[in-house]
Protein backbone atom coordinates (compact mmCIF):
# COMPACT_ATOMS: atom_id res chain seq x y z
CA MET A 1 37.91 5.64 28.44
CA ASP A 2 41.32 4.27 28.05
CA SER A 3 44.20 5.05 25.48
CA ALA A 4 42.76 2.15 23.87
CA GLY A 5 39.98 3.65 23.86
CA ARG A 6 37.88 1.08 25.13
CA TYR A 7 34.99 2.12 28.69
CA SER A 8 36.50 0.67 31.88
CA GLN A 9 34.63 0.60 35.46
CA VAL A 10 33.23 3.95 35.86
CA THR A 11 31.88 4.54 39.87
CA ASN A 12 28.92 7.35 40.15
CA THR A 13 29.12 9.61 43.23
CA ALA A 14 26.92 7.23 45.58
CA GLY A 15 29.53 4.90 44.80
CA SER A 16 27.84 1.96 43.04
CA SER A 17 29.63 0.87 39.22
CA ALA A 18 28.75 0.18 36.22
CA SER A 19 29.96 -1.42 34.21
CA SER A 20 31.41 -0.82 30.44
CA SER A 21 28.27 -3.41 29.06
CA ASN A 22 25.51 -1.25 30.15
CA LEU A 23 27.88 2.02 28.68
CA THR A 24 28.58 0.55 25.26
CA THR A 25 25.19 -1.49 24.45
CA PRO A 26 22.88 1.39 23.05
CA PRO A 27 18.52 0.69 24.21
CA ARG A 28 16.99 -1.72 22.20
CA LYS A 29 14.72 0.52 19.30
CA LYS A 30 10.78 -1.18 19.69
CA LYS A 31 9.96 -2.69 16.96
CA LYS A 32 6.64 -1.44 14.82
CA ARG A 33 3.50 -2.87 13.82
CA LEU A 34 2.55 -2.65 10.39
CA GLN A 35 -1.48 -1.40 9.75
CA LYS A 36 -2.58 -3.81 7.66
CA TYR A 37 -6.44 -3.10 4.98
CA ARG A 38 -9.25 -3.10 6.79
CA VAL A 39 -12.50 -3.87 4.81
CA GLU A 40 -14.59 -1.37 7.41
CA TRP A 41 -12.54 1.34 5.67
CA GLU A 42 -14.61 1.28 2.23
CA LYS A 43 -17.50 1.53 4.20
CA GLU A 44 -16.55 5.64 4.51
CA GLN A 45 -14.75 5.23 1.06
CA ALA A 46 -16.20 3.77 -2.07
CA TRP A 47 -13.46 4.02 -4.08
CA LEU A 48 -11.51 2.11 -1.91
CA GLU A 49 -10.36 -1.66 -2.03
CA SER A 50 -8.29 -4.35 -1.33
CA VAL A 51 -4.97 -5.38 -3.30
CA HIS A 52 -5.89 -9.47 -4.61
CA ASN A 53 -1.71 -10.40 -3.39
CA ASN A 54 -0.60 -7.94 -0.53
CA SER A 55 -2.59 -6.71 2.13
CA TYR A 56 -0.92 -3.74 3.27
CA GLU A 57 -1.85 -1.84 0.39
CA ALA A 58 -5.53 -0.19 -0.56
CA HIS A 59 -6.00 0.46 -4.11
CA CYS A 60 -8.40 3.41 -5.08
CA THR A 61 -10.47 3.16 -8.18
CA VAL A 62 -10.81 6.61 -8.88
CA CYS A 63 -6.80 7.37 -9.73
CA ARG A 64 -6.08 3.49 -10.52
CA ARG A 65 -3.33 3.98 -8.14
CA THR A 66 -2.27 1.40 -5.22
CA PHE A 67 -0.65 3.10 -2.11
CA SER A 68 0.98 1.15 1.12
CA VAL A 69 -1.57 1.63 4.58
CA ALA A 70 1.47 -0.33 6.71
CA HIS A 71 2.88 2.84 8.30
CA GLY A 72 -0.20 5.04 8.80
CA GLY A 73 -3.11 2.91 8.24
CA GLN A 74 -6.05 4.89 7.95
CA TRP A 75 -4.21 8.27 8.08
CA ASP A 76 -2.45 7.31 4.28
CA VAL A 77 -6.01 6.44 3.33
CA LYS A 78 -6.75 9.74 4.23
CA GLN A 79 -3.88 11.24 2.77
CA HIS A 80 -4.85 10.00 -0.90
CA ALA A 81 -8.23 11.01 -0.26
CA SER A 82 -7.15 14.99 0.16
CA SER A 83 -4.47 14.78 -2.78
CA ASN A 84 -4.20 17.18 -5.90
CA GLY A 85 -4.65 14.16 -8.11
CA HIS A 86 -7.10 12.95 -5.99
CA ILE A 87 -9.51 15.22 -6.01
CA ARG A 88 -8.85 16.03 -9.74
CA ASN A 89 -9.43 12.45 -10.11
CA MET A 90 -12.98 12.71 -8.03
CA ARG A 91 -13.79 15.82 -9.92
CA ASP A 92 -13.42 14.40 -13.28
CA ASN A 93 -15.18 11.28 -13.17
CA ARG A 94 -18.39 13.63 -11.66
CA THR A 95 -18.34 15.53 -15.06
CA ARG A 96 -17.36 13.55 -17.81
CA GLY A 97 -18.78 9.91 -15.89
CA THR A 98 -17.09 6.38 -15.83
CA LEU A 99 -17.53 3.63 -17.10
CA ASP A 100 -15.87 1.76 -13.76
CA GLN A 101 -19.77 0.04 -14.08
CA PHE A 102 -18.45 -1.96 -17.37
CA VAL A 103 -15.30 -2.97 -16.26
CA LEU A 104 -14.68 -6.19 -14.18
CA HIS A 105 -11.31 -4.44 -11.30
CA GLN A 106 -10.50 -7.98 -10.41
CA ALA A 107 -9.27 -11.26 -12.12
CA THR A 108 -12.32 -13.43 -12.15
CA PRO A 109 -12.87 -16.64 -14.16
CA GLU A 110 -15.47 -14.79 -16.02
CA ALA A 111 -13.14 -11.90 -16.97
CA ASP A 112 -10.51 -14.37 -18.20
CA VAL A 113 -13.39 -16.44 -20.13
CA VAL A 114 -14.27 -13.11 -21.93
CA TYR A 115 -10.83 -11.64 -22.65
CA LYS A 116 -9.86 -15.62 -24.32
CA LYS A 117 -12.80 -15.33 -26.09
CA ASN A 118 -12.40 -11.81 -27.58
CA ILE A 119 -8.83 -12.17 -28.32
CA PHE A 120 -10.20 -15.15 -30.18
CA LEU A 121 -12.68 -13.55 -32.15
CA MET A 122 -9.93 -10.84 -33.09
CA LEU A 123 -7.12 -13.57 -34.02
CA CYS A 124 -9.65 -15.13 -36.04
CA GLY A 125 -10.96 -11.78 -37.94
CA ASN A 126 -7.15 -10.99 -38.71
CA VAL A 127 -6.54 -14.89 -40.68
CA MET A 128 -9.94 -14.39 -42.95
CA ASN A 129 -9.18 -10.53 -43.12
CA MET A 130 -12.53 -10.22 -41.73
CA SER A 131 -13.93 -7.62 -40.18
CA ILE A 132 -16.02 -7.46 -36.80
């Protein structure tokens, strides 16, 4: 390096020379590929479902929590399954039972119709001071 801070041409002991561009350019990092959600994971984990608008995330129906699978894939699913919160929620659901069989988790046209009818009935009851 000279007094201005620039690298000059360096000669190694074998007599060949290396250019200054080789000395100052860092090696390129390999770009990591992101893992997408896979439906076959649901066969092993019944509580797992895909996220409608994001193929890099998964949703736990027990914890009602969405988490990323982009960097670890199935490892991220196993990490969530072994977390204290998930284990506690699984235990609680077994002892207390669950209403998941009666609840629609994903937006469907049928769920939208039921929701609108319920809102309509609530508003009508409030306007007419009636209980339903």
